[in-house]
Each structure stands twice: as structure tokens, then as C-alpha cells.
Amino acid sequence: MHPKCRYSDRIAPDHRNSENVYMSKKYTRDVEYMVNKCLRHSTTLQVSPSGWAYVRDVSHTLWVHERNYGYIGQVIEVDIDYAIDGSQADKQRFLFSALDYHAILRPGNMMVKSVQGASGGIGRQIDDNRAYPRVYDIPALSHYTSLSLIDDFVGFQGKGIVPGGILNKSSRKHCYFVPEQPPNNDCLPNSFQKSGTDCVIELNPAATQRDYECFQTENGTVLIGERVRIEAMDGITLLGPARYPVWLNPSRK
């Protein structure tokens, strides 16, 4: 990002965008939330096959469909620029770029991309092979979930890990995995965990990357765009110091 557009590097942050307009913390958080929702779930926003959208188009979408995102007035491009640059670094939700580095915030120059989580119309526009690099040598693949859902994964009528969830409450097109071994205590290694997560499904990394197309996002998350069958799972372990194995996939032996 051009130095004139960066706010997180300021020695004394003044909470003002590039047009010197003050942005409160609440307004900044609201803009970040709205942009994130729009880039992932909008039914009207146009994105490229690699997932990039014009910031101008995001601003217009938030304005004409404010009922879907929130009534906070018209959000302009510089507001989005400020909110994204000042967003929580550990979340790594966005990529921000420009067609012309020296044009800075000229209308139509800035582009933004959501790192992951596209669904519905946005998901259908994105080509995984153009949006993410494919990986073949990830040492571990872990999927964090709740113990109450285990029967849906590996039970008598278990379906494995399904994009969007077993109950189809989401239209997401990917299953999500952390490319790390589970921890030895009750701490989770990724910042995208949800409340109630208390166990981890471990996949066989070599077999999974051989049988499925695995893509890695900029924040390290591994995506698989189809149902992951039970055969790809090594086991399920309860999180915590005990590391109690809840289920193990039987081997041929």
C-alpha cells in the first residue's frame, strides 16, 4: 500500500482518513464488518475470478443495499481504506492493492479481496485455481469442531466433512483446515475458531493432498472445495491436556 494511504504506521494515530475526516472506533469497526460481509456474501457485487473487487464497487454496494449491511450512511472509498488498514492484524481478513501505485486513492484505482469465506454468488464467481495456490506438501491438516457434531462426521450415517456444514446452514463452497498439528493443551492454533470448539479432526495429509485439490489462502488456511470422506481421516481427539482420542480410523491391519 502506498505510504500516504497507510494509517497503521503512524507514530501518533489520529483516527482520520486520507481526507482528514475523523473516524470513530465504532464507525471503523462497522465499516470493516460491512466490507467483510459484502466481499464474502454479496449477491450483487462483481468480483474477478481471483476474488478481487473494486473498492468503488464495494462502496456502491454498501450504499444501495444498506438494508443488508447496516444504516450508517454512505461509506466512501477512503473510509474503507482506513478501516481495512486499521483492522485487526491477527484476523488477516483482507488483501488490498491498486492498479496504479502512484495514483493512490484515485477513484477506480483501489482493489480489495477477502482472504477466505466466500459463499453464494461471490463463491460462484471465484475460480479456486486462480484465487489460491494449490499445495502438495502440507505436513498436517486439522479441522476444529464440536464434540456434539461427531456423529454427523463419522457416525452410522456420517457424511465426512461437508462444505457449508452437514445441516446446510451455510452456502460456503469450501471445507477449512489448519495446516498444523493440534496443540498439546487446550489452546487452539488458529484465530478463526468459534465458541464451543472442543475437538479436532486430523486428516492423513499425504493421502488428502493426493486425492483432493488443496488450496492455501494468504493467512495459511487450507481449503478443499468438496466433501472430505471419512477414509481421509486419521482420528478425532478431544482438546485439552488429556488429549483423549474420541475416534480412530481403523487401519487395514
C-alpha atoms as a PDB file:
ATOM      1  CA  MET A   1       0.000   0.000   0.000  1.00  0.00           C
ATOM      2  CA  HIS A   2       1.238   3.499  -0.812  1.00  0.00           C
ATOM      3  CA  PRO A   3       2.775   5.213   2.272  1.00  0.00           C
ATOM      4  CA  LYS A   4       0.289   8.077   2.024  1.00  0.00           C
ATOM      5  CA  CYS A   5      -2.549   5.593   2.435  1.00  0.00           C
ATOM      6  CA  ARG A   6      -1.172   3.744   5.443  1.00  0.00           C
ATOM      7  CA  TYR A   7      -2.573   4.549   8.860  1.00  0.00           C
ATOM      8  CA  SER A   8      -1.256   1.682  10.979  1.00  0.00           C
ATOM      9  CA  ASP A   9       2.327   3.016  10.635  1.00  0.00           C
ATOM     10  CA  ARG A  10       1.577   6.427  12.070  1.00  0.00           C
ATOM     11  CA  ILE A  11       3.571   7.291  15.195  1.00  0.00           C
ATOM     12  CA  ALA A  12       0.564   9.037  16.727  1.00  0.00           C
ATOM     13  CA  PRO A  13      -2.649   7.654  15.180  1.00  0.00           C
ATOM     14  CA  ASP A  14      -5.179  10.445  14.767  1.00  0.00           C
ATOM     15  CA  HIS A  15      -8.110   8.288  13.580  1.00  0.00           C
ATOM     16  CA  ARG A  16      -8.505  10.364  10.418  1.00  0.00           C
ATOM     17  CA  ASN A  17      -8.788   9.035   6.889  1.00  0.00           C
ATOM     18  CA  SER A  18      -6.822  10.419   3.946  1.00  0.00           C
ATOM     19  CA  GLU A  19      -9.348  13.265   3.541  1.00  0.00           C
ATOM     20  CA  ASN A  20      -8.666  14.273   7.169  1.00  0.00           C
ATOM     21  CA  VAL A  21     -12.131  13.186   8.313  1.00  0.00           C
ATOM     22  CA  TYR A  22     -12.294  11.721  11.817  1.00  0.00           C
ATOM     23  CA  MET A  23     -13.440   8.081  12.044  1.00  0.00           C
ATOM     24  CA  SER A  24     -14.519   6.820  15.447  1.00  0.00           C
ATOM     25  CA  LYS A  25     -13.569   3.325  16.589  1.00  0.00           C
ATOM     26  CA  LYS A  26     -17.179   2.160  16.354  1.00  0.00           C
ATOM     27  CA  TYR A  27     -17.613   3.521  12.837  1.00  0.00           C
ATOM     28  CA  THR A  28     -14.319   1.941  11.783  1.00  0.00           C
ATOM     29  CA  ARG A  29     -15.361  -1.456  13.176  1.00  0.00           C
ATOM     30  CA  ASP A  30     -18.761  -1.159  11.492  1.00  0.00           C
ATOM     31  CA  VAL A  31     -17.164  -0.391   8.122  1.00  0.00           C
ATOM     32  CA  GLU A  32     -14.754  -3.307   8.466  1.00  0.00           C
ATOM     33  CA  TYR A  33     -17.619  -5.678   9.331  1.00  0.00           C
ATOM     34  CA  MET A  34     -19.755  -4.443   6.417  1.00  0.00           C
ATOM     35  CA  VAL A  35     -16.924  -4.728   3.896  1.00  0.00           C
ATOM     36  CA  ASN A  36     -16.090  -8.226   5.103  1.00  0.00           C
ATOM     37  CA  LYS A  37     -19.720  -9.312   4.791  1.00  0.00           C
ATOM     38  CA  CYS A  38     -20.076  -7.736   1.357  1.00  0.00           C
ATOM     39  CA  LEU A  39     -16.904  -9.293  -0.072  1.00  0.00           C
ATOM     40  CA  ARG A  40     -17.880 -12.757   1.151  1.00  0.00           C
ATOM     41  CA  HIS A  41     -21.659 -12.976   0.826  1.00  0.00           C
ATOM     42  CA  SER A  42     -22.987 -10.260  -1.507  1.00  0.00           C
ATOM     43  CA  THR A  43     -25.458 -11.359  -4.164  1.00  0.00           C
ATOM     44  CA  THR A  44     -24.794  -8.378  -6.448  1.00  0.00           C
ATOM     45  CA  LEU A  45     -21.096  -7.442  -6.134  1.00  0.00           C
ATOM     46  CA  GLN A  46     -18.941  -8.401  -9.120  1.00  0.00           C
ATOM     47  CA  VAL A  47     -15.501  -9.865  -8.411  1.00  0.00           C
ATOM     48  CA  SER A  48     -12.776 -11.218 -10.671  1.00  0.00           C
ATOM     49  CA  PRO A  49     -12.133 -14.975 -10.978  1.00  0.00           C
ATOM     50  CA  SER A  50      -9.288 -14.474  -8.477  1.00  0.00           C
ATOM     51  CA  GLY A  51     -11.633 -12.764  -5.999  1.00  0.00           C
ATOM     52  CA  TRP A  52     -10.676  -9.082  -6.401  1.00  0.00           C
ATOM     53  CA  ALA A  53     -13.292  -6.305  -6.359  1.00  0.00           C
ATOM     54  CA  TYR A  54     -13.031  -2.566  -6.954  1.00  0.00           C
ATOM     55  CA  VAL A  55     -13.303  -0.649  -3.687  1.00  0.00           C
ATOM     56  CA  ARG A  56     -15.582   1.721  -5.601  1.00  0.00           C
ATOM     57  CA  ASP A  57     -17.972  -1.156  -6.320  1.00  0.00           C
ATOM     58  CA  VAL A  58     -17.914  -2.276  -2.682  1.00  0.00           C
ATOM     59  CA  SER A  59     -18.761   1.274  -1.584  1.00  0.00           C
ATOM     60  CA  HIS A  60     -21.648   1.429  -4.071  1.00  0.00           C
ATOM     61  CA  THR A  61     -22.972  -1.975  -2.964  1.00  0.00           C
ATOM     62  CA  LEU A  62     -22.964  -0.946   0.705  1.00  0.00           C
ATOM     63  CA  TRP A  63     -24.862   2.226  -0.217  1.00  0.00           C
ATOM     64  CA  VAL A  64     -27.608   0.806  -2.466  1.00  0.00           C
ATOM     65  CA  HIS A  65     -28.122  -2.311  -0.330  1.00  0.00           C
ATOM     66  CA  GLU A  66     -27.657  -0.746   3.095  1.00  0.00           C
ATOM     67  CA  ARG A  67     -30.594  -2.757   4.420  1.00  0.00           C
ATOM     68  CA  ASN A  68     -28.369  -5.848   4.148  1.00  0.00           C
ATOM     69  CA  TYR A  69     -25.317  -4.287   5.772  1.00  0.00           C
ATOM     70  CA  GLY A  70     -26.303  -1.504   8.134  1.00  0.00           C
ATOM     71  CA  TYR A  71     -27.665   2.037   8.179  1.00  0.00           C
ATOM     72  CA  ILE A  72     -24.566   4.113   8.900  1.00  0.00           C
ATOM     73  CA  GLY A  73     -24.720   6.458   5.912  1.00  0.00           C
ATOM     74  CA  GLN A  74     -22.718   6.383   2.706  1.00  0.00           C
ATOM     75  CA  VAL A  75     -19.350   4.670   3.118  1.00  0.00           C
ATOM     76  CA  ILE A  76     -16.795   6.116   0.712  1.00  0.00           C
ATOM     77  CA  GLU A  77     -13.581   4.575  -0.601  1.00  0.00           C
ATOM     78  CA  VAL A  78     -11.245   6.337   1.819  1.00  0.00           C
ATOM     79  CA  ASP A  79     -13.348   5.090   4.748  1.00  0.00           C
ATOM     80  CA  ILE A  80     -12.927   1.517   3.509  1.00  0.00           C
ATOM     81  CA  ASP A  81      -9.201   2.077   3.020  1.00  0.00           C
ATOM     82  CA  TYR A  82      -8.821   3.315   6.590  1.00  0.00           C
ATOM     83  CA  ALA A  83     -10.963   0.553   8.115  1.00  0.00           C
ATOM     84  CA  ILE A  84      -9.071  -2.216   6.308  1.00  0.00           C
ATOM     85  CA  ASP A  85      -5.611  -0.856   7.062  1.00  0.00           C
ATOM     86  CA  GLY A  86      -6.553  -0.415  10.711  1.00  0.00           C
ATOM     87  CA  SER A  87      -8.281  -3.796  11.021  1.00  0.00           C
ATOM     88  CA  GLN A  88      -7.067  -6.486  13.416  1.00  0.00           C
ATOM     89  CA  ALA A  89      -3.829  -7.891  12.060  1.00  0.00           C
ATOM     90  CA  ASP A  90      -4.343 -11.343  13.595  1.00  0.00           C
ATOM     91  CA  LYS A  91      -7.548 -11.828  11.606  1.00  0.00           C
ATOM     92  CA  GLN A  92      -5.843 -11.228   8.231  1.00  0.00           C
ATOM     93  CA  ARG A  93      -9.212 -10.832   6.550  1.00  0.00           C
ATOM     94  CA  PHE A  94      -8.276  -8.677   3.550  1.00  0.00           C
ATOM     95  CA  LEU A  95      -5.818  -8.076   0.748  1.00  0.00           C
ATOM     96  CA  PHE A  96      -5.606  -4.529  -0.574  1.00  0.00           C
ATOM     97  CA  SER A  97      -3.970  -3.411  -3.816  1.00  0.00           C
ATOM     98  CA  ALA A  98      -4.109  -0.862  -6.635  1.00  0.00           C
ATOM     99  CA  LEU A  99      -3.983  -0.833 -10.413  1.00  0.00           C
ATOM    100  CA  ASP A 100      -1.541   2.106 -10.375  1.00  0.00           C
ATOM    101  CA  TYR A 101       0.748   2.513  -7.351  1.00  0.00           C
ATOM    102  CA  HIS A 102       1.253   6.252  -7.933  1.00  0.00           C
ATOM    103  CA  ALA A 103      -2.434   7.047  -8.482  1.00  0.00           C
ATOM    104  CA  ILE A 104      -3.056   6.283  -4.785  1.00  0.00           C
ATOM    105  CA  LEU A 105      -6.775   6.806  -3.993  1.00  0.00           C
ATOM    106  CA  ARG A 106      -7.929   7.894  -7.435  1.00  0.00           C
ATOM    107  CA  PRO A 107     -11.499   6.595  -7.919  1.00  0.00           C
ATOM    108  CA  GLY A 108     -11.470   3.177  -9.520  1.00  0.00           C
ATOM    109  CA  ASN A 109      -7.819   2.530  -8.689  1.00  0.00           C
ATOM    110  CA  MET A 110      -8.073   0.636  -5.401  1.00  0.00           C
ATOM    111  CA  MET A 111      -8.982  -3.052  -5.226  1.00  0.00           C
ATOM    112  CA  VAL A 112      -9.762  -5.338  -2.283  1.00  0.00           C
ATOM    113  CA  LYS A 113     -10.108  -9.074  -1.741  1.00  0.00           C
ATOM    114  CA  SER A 114     -11.445 -11.192   1.105  1.00  0.00           C
ATOM    115  CA  VAL A 115      -8.881 -13.816   2.103  1.00  0.00           C
ATOM    116  CA  GLN A 116     -11.436 -16.624   2.538  1.00  0.00           C
ATOM    117  CA  GLY A 117     -15.037 -17.498   3.337  1.00  0.00           C
ATOM    118  CA  ALA A 118     -16.804 -16.681   0.045  1.00  0.00           C
ATOM    119  CA  SER A 119     -20.293 -18.119  -0.418  1.00  0.00           C
ATOM    120  CA  GLY A 120     -23.303 -17.830  -2.678  1.00  0.00           C
ATOM    121  CA  GLY A 121     -22.883 -15.520  -5.648  1.00  0.00           C
ATOM    122  CA  ILE A 122     -19.366 -14.451  -4.680  1.00  0.00           C
ATOM    123  CA  GLY A 123     -18.230 -18.050  -4.322  1.00  0.00           C
ATOM    124  CA  ARG A 124     -19.598 -18.958  -7.756  1.00  0.00           C
ATOM    125  CA  GLN A 125     -17.591 -16.159  -9.380  1.00  0.00           C
ATOM    126  CA  ILE A 126     -14.263 -17.254  -7.900  1.00  0.00           C
ATOM    127  CA  ASP A 127     -12.048 -19.830  -9.614  1.00  0.00           C
ATOM    128  CA  ASP A 128     -10.017 -21.603  -6.919  1.00  0.00           C
ATOM    129  CA  ASN A 129      -7.134 -22.255  -9.305  1.00  0.00           C
ATOM    130  CA  ARG A 130      -6.778 -18.517  -9.947  1.00  0.00           C
ATOM    131  CA  ALA A 131      -7.562 -17.280  -6.454  1.00  0.00           C
ATOM    132  CA  TYR A 132      -5.289 -19.539  -4.380  1.00  0.00           C
ATOM    133  CA  PRO A 133      -2.093 -21.543  -4.870  1.00  0.00           C
ATOM    134  CA  ARG A 134      -2.500 -25.301  -4.785  1.00  0.00           C
ATOM    135  CA  VAL A 135      -0.411 -27.118  -2.149  1.00  0.00           C
ATOM    136  CA  TYR A 136       1.023 -30.630  -2.132  1.00  0.00           C
ATOM    137  CA  ASP A 137       3.364 -30.832   0.876  1.00  0.00           C
ATOM    138  CA  ILE A 138       1.410 -29.548   3.880  1.00  0.00           C
ATOM    139  CA  PRO A 139       2.640 -31.578   6.904  1.00  0.00           C
ATOM    140  CA  ALA A 140      -0.687 -31.637   8.779  1.00  0.00           C
ATOM    141  CA  LEU A 141      -4.382 -30.915   8.224  1.00  0.00           C
ATOM    142  CA  SER A 142      -6.656 -30.303  11.218  1.00  0.00           C
ATOM    143  CA  HIS A 143     -10.349 -29.412  11.315  1.00  0.00           C
ATOM    144  CA  TYR A 144     -11.671 -27.993  14.609  1.00  0.00           C
ATOM    145  CA  THR A 145     -15.281 -28.689  15.548  1.00  0.00           C
ATOM    146  CA  SER A 146     -17.627 -29.549  18.393  1.00  0.00           C
ATOM    147  CA  LEU A 147     -17.900 -32.960  20.011  1.00  0.00           C
ATOM    148  CA  SER A 148     -21.693 -32.767  19.688  1.00  0.00           C
ATOM    149  CA  LEU A 149     -21.343 -32.957  15.877  1.00  0.00           C
ATOM    150  CA  ILE A 150     -19.087 -36.002  15.709  1.00  0.00           C
ATOM    151  CA  ASP A 151     -21.919 -38.379  14.748  1.00  0.00           C
ATOM    152  CA  ASP A 152     -22.588 -36.217  11.698  1.00  0.00           C
ATOM    153  CA  PHE A 153     -18.978 -36.673  10.601  1.00  0.00           C
ATOM    154  CA  VAL A 154     -18.212 -40.335  11.393  1.00  0.00           C
ATOM    155  CA  GLY A 155     -21.430 -41.818  12.801  1.00  0.00           C
ATOM    156  CA  PHE A 156     -23.519 -44.608  11.301  1.00  0.00           C
ATOM    157  CA  GLN A 157     -24.749 -42.233   8.604  1.00  0.00           C
ATOM    158  CA  GLY A 158     -21.778 -39.850   8.798  1.00  0.00           C
ATOM    159  CA  LYS A 159     -21.030 -37.858   5.662  1.00  0.00           C
ATOM    160  CA  GLY A 160     -17.494 -36.735   6.436  1.00  0.00           C
ATOM    161  CA  ILE A 161     -16.638 -33.028   6.363  1.00  0.00           C
ATOM    162  CA  VAL A 162     -19.049 -31.144   4.093  1.00  0.00           C
ATOM    163  CA  PRO A 163     -18.654 -27.575   2.724  1.00  0.00           C
ATOM    164  CA  GLY A 164     -21.181 -25.358   4.472  1.00  0.00           C
ATOM    165  CA  GLY A 165     -21.805 -27.923   7.206  1.00  0.00           C
ATOM    166  CA  ILE A 166     -23.852 -31.103   7.494  1.00  0.00           C
ATOM    167  CA  LEU A 167     -27.109 -29.195   8.038  1.00  0.00           C
ATOM    168  CA  ASN A 168     -26.549 -26.935   5.005  1.00  0.00           C
ATOM    169  CA  LYS A 169     -26.952 -23.785   7.084  1.00  0.00           C
ATOM    170  CA  SER A 170     -24.229 -22.107   5.038  1.00  0.00           C
ATOM    171  CA  SER A 171     -23.603 -21.842   1.307  1.00  0.00           C
ATOM    172  CA  ARG A 172     -19.818 -21.765   1.672  1.00  0.00           C
ATOM    173  CA  LYS A 173     -18.039 -23.700  -1.040  1.00  0.00           C
ATOM    174  CA  HIS A 174     -15.052 -24.974   0.973  1.00  0.00           C
ATOM    175  CA  CYS A 175     -14.066 -27.061   3.965  1.00  0.00           C
ATOM    176  CA  TYR A 176     -11.468 -25.316   6.146  1.00  0.00           C
ATOM    177  CA  PHE A 177      -8.330 -26.829   7.680  1.00  0.00           C
ATOM    178  CA  VAL A 178      -5.433 -25.603   9.790  1.00  0.00           C
ATOM    179  CA  PRO A 179      -2.030 -26.725   8.412  1.00  0.00           C
ATOM    180  CA  GLU A 180      -0.631 -27.541  11.860  1.00  0.00           C
ATOM    181  CA  GLN A 181      -0.621 -30.398  14.315  1.00  0.00           C
ATOM    182  CA  PRO A 182      -3.139 -29.999  17.174  1.00  0.00           C
ATOM    183  CA  PRO A 183      -1.696 -28.437  20.348  1.00  0.00           C
ATOM    184  CA  ASN A 184      -0.844 -30.426  23.459  1.00  0.00           C
ATOM    185  CA  ASN A 185      -3.008 -28.201  25.658  1.00  0.00           C
ATOM    186  CA  ASP A 186      -6.404 -26.555  25.350  1.00  0.00           C
ATOM    187  CA  CYS A 187      -5.155 -23.656  23.221  1.00  0.00           C
ATOM    188  CA  LEU A 188      -6.224 -23.530  19.586  1.00  0.00           C
ATOM    189  CA  PRO A 189      -3.621 -22.584  16.958  1.00  0.00           C
ATOM    190  CA  ASN A 190      -5.851 -20.569  14.622  1.00  0.00           C
ATOM    191  CA  SER A 191      -7.634 -17.260  15.124  1.00  0.00           C
ATOM    192  CA  PHE A 192     -10.808 -18.337  13.282  1.00  0.00           C
ATOM    193  CA  GLN A 193     -12.099 -20.666  15.974  1.00  0.00           C
ATOM    194  CA  LYS A 194     -15.699 -20.433  17.124  1.00  0.00           C
ATOM    195  CA  SER A 195     -17.029 -20.764  20.623  1.00  0.00           C
ATOM    196  CA  GLY A 196     -17.845 -24.348  21.538  1.00  0.00           C
ATOM    197  CA  THR A 197     -14.921 -25.831  19.639  1.00  0.00           C
ATOM    198  CA  ASP A 198     -13.641 -28.689  21.789  1.00  0.00           C
ATOM    199  CA  CYS A 199     -12.206 -31.374  19.498  1.00  0.00           C
ATOM    200  CA  VAL A 200     -10.118 -31.718  16.356  1.00  0.00           C
ATOM    201  CA  ILE A 201     -10.372 -33.983  13.316  1.00  0.00           C
ATOM    202  CA  GLU A 202      -6.963 -34.906  11.914  1.00  0.00           C
ATOM    203  CA  LEU A 203      -6.641 -35.900   8.272  1.00  0.00           C
ATOM    204  CA  ASN A 204      -3.968 -38.025   6.640  1.00  0.00           C
ATOM    205  CA  PRO A 205      -2.083 -35.159   4.945  1.00  0.00           C
ATOM    206  CA  ALA A 206      -0.364 -37.200   2.227  1.00  0.00           C
ATOM    207  CA  ALA A 207      -3.492 -39.077   1.167  1.00  0.00           C
ATOM    208  CA  THR A 208      -5.678 -35.981   1.346  1.00  0.00           C
ATOM    209  CA  GLN A 209      -3.382 -33.903  -0.859  1.00  0.00           C
ATOM    210  CA  ARG A 210      -3.163 -36.787  -3.306  1.00  0.00           C
ATOM    211  CA  ASP A 211      -6.918 -37.354  -3.568  1.00  0.00           C
ATOM    212  CA  TYR A 212      -8.224 -33.772  -3.213  1.00  0.00           C
ATOM    213  CA  GLU A 213      -7.338 -30.379  -4.623  1.00  0.00           C
ATOM    214  CA  CYS A 214      -5.990 -28.432  -1.626  1.00  0.00           C
ATOM    215  CA  PHE A 215      -5.553 -24.660  -1.820  1.00  0.00           C
ATOM    216  CA  GLN A 216      -3.915 -22.360   0.722  1.00  0.00           C
ATOM    217  CA  THR A 217      -5.045 -18.805   1.459  1.00  0.00           C
ATOM    218  CA  GLU A 218      -2.794 -15.896   2.355  1.00  0.00           C
ATOM    219  CA  ASN A 219      -3.400 -16.430   6.074  1.00  0.00           C
ATOM    220  CA  GLY A 220      -2.369 -20.090   5.858  1.00  0.00           C
ATOM    221  CA  THR A 221      -5.791 -21.760   5.967  1.00  0.00           C
ATOM    222  CA  VAL A 222      -6.159 -24.759   3.648  1.00  0.00           C
ATOM    223  CA  LEU A 223      -9.335 -25.024   1.569  1.00  0.00           C
ATOM    224  CA  ILE A 224     -10.900 -28.096  -0.017  1.00  0.00           C
ATOM    225  CA  GLY A 225     -13.867 -27.450  -2.282  1.00  0.00           C
ATOM    226  CA  GLU A 226     -15.686 -30.763  -1.890  1.00  0.00           C
ATOM    227  CA  ARG A 227     -16.812 -33.264   0.724  1.00  0.00           C
ATOM    228  CA  VAL A 228     -13.908 -34.875   2.555  1.00  0.00           C
ATOM    229  CA  ARG A 229     -14.745 -38.542   3.073  1.00  0.00           C
ATOM    230  CA  ILE A 230     -14.261 -40.483   6.296  1.00  0.00           C
ATOM    231  CA  GLU A 231     -11.476 -42.509   4.655  1.00  0.00           C
ATOM    232  CA  ALA A 232      -9.254 -39.405   4.661  1.00  0.00           C
ATOM    233  CA  MET A 233      -9.469 -39.003   8.455  1.00  0.00           C
ATOM    234  CA  ASP A 234      -6.842 -40.402  10.814  1.00  0.00           C
ATOM    235  CA  GLY A 235      -8.756 -39.726  14.014  1.00  0.00           C
ATOM    236  CA  ILE A 236     -10.620 -37.317  16.284  1.00  0.00           C
ATOM    237  CA  THR A 237      -9.075 -36.027  19.503  1.00  0.00           C
ATOM    238  CA  LEU A 238     -10.631 -34.166  22.397  1.00  0.00           C
ATOM    239  CA  LEU A 239      -8.807 -30.892  23.046  1.00  0.00           C
ATOM    240  CA  GLY A 240      -7.157 -30.309  26.393  1.00  0.00           C
ATOM    241  CA  PRO A 241      -4.233 -31.650  28.419  1.00  0.00           C
ATOM    242  CA  ALA A 242      -5.571 -35.218  28.355  1.00  0.00           C
ATOM    243  CA  ARG A 243      -5.627 -35.380  24.534  1.00  0.00           C
ATOM    244  CA  TYR A 244      -8.224 -38.161  24.748  1.00  0.00           C
ATOM    245  CA  PRO A 245      -8.773 -39.945  21.387  1.00  0.00           C
ATOM    246  CA  VAL A 246     -12.507 -39.932  20.667  1.00  0.00           C
ATOM    247  CA  TRP A 247     -12.325 -41.919  17.422  1.00  0.00           C
ATOM    248  CA  LEU A 248      -9.605 -43.606  15.352  1.00  0.00           C
ATOM    249  CA  ASN A 249      -9.953 -44.696  11.769  1.00  0.00           C
ATOM    250  CA  PRO A 250      -9.222 -48.441  11.658  1.00  0.00           C
ATOM    251  CA  SER A 251      -6.264 -49.448   9.500  1.00  0.00           C
ATOM    252  CA  ARG A 252      -6.097 -52.486   7.192  1.00  0.00           C
ATOM    253  CA  LYS A 253      -4.008 -54.245   9.839  1.00  0.00           C
END
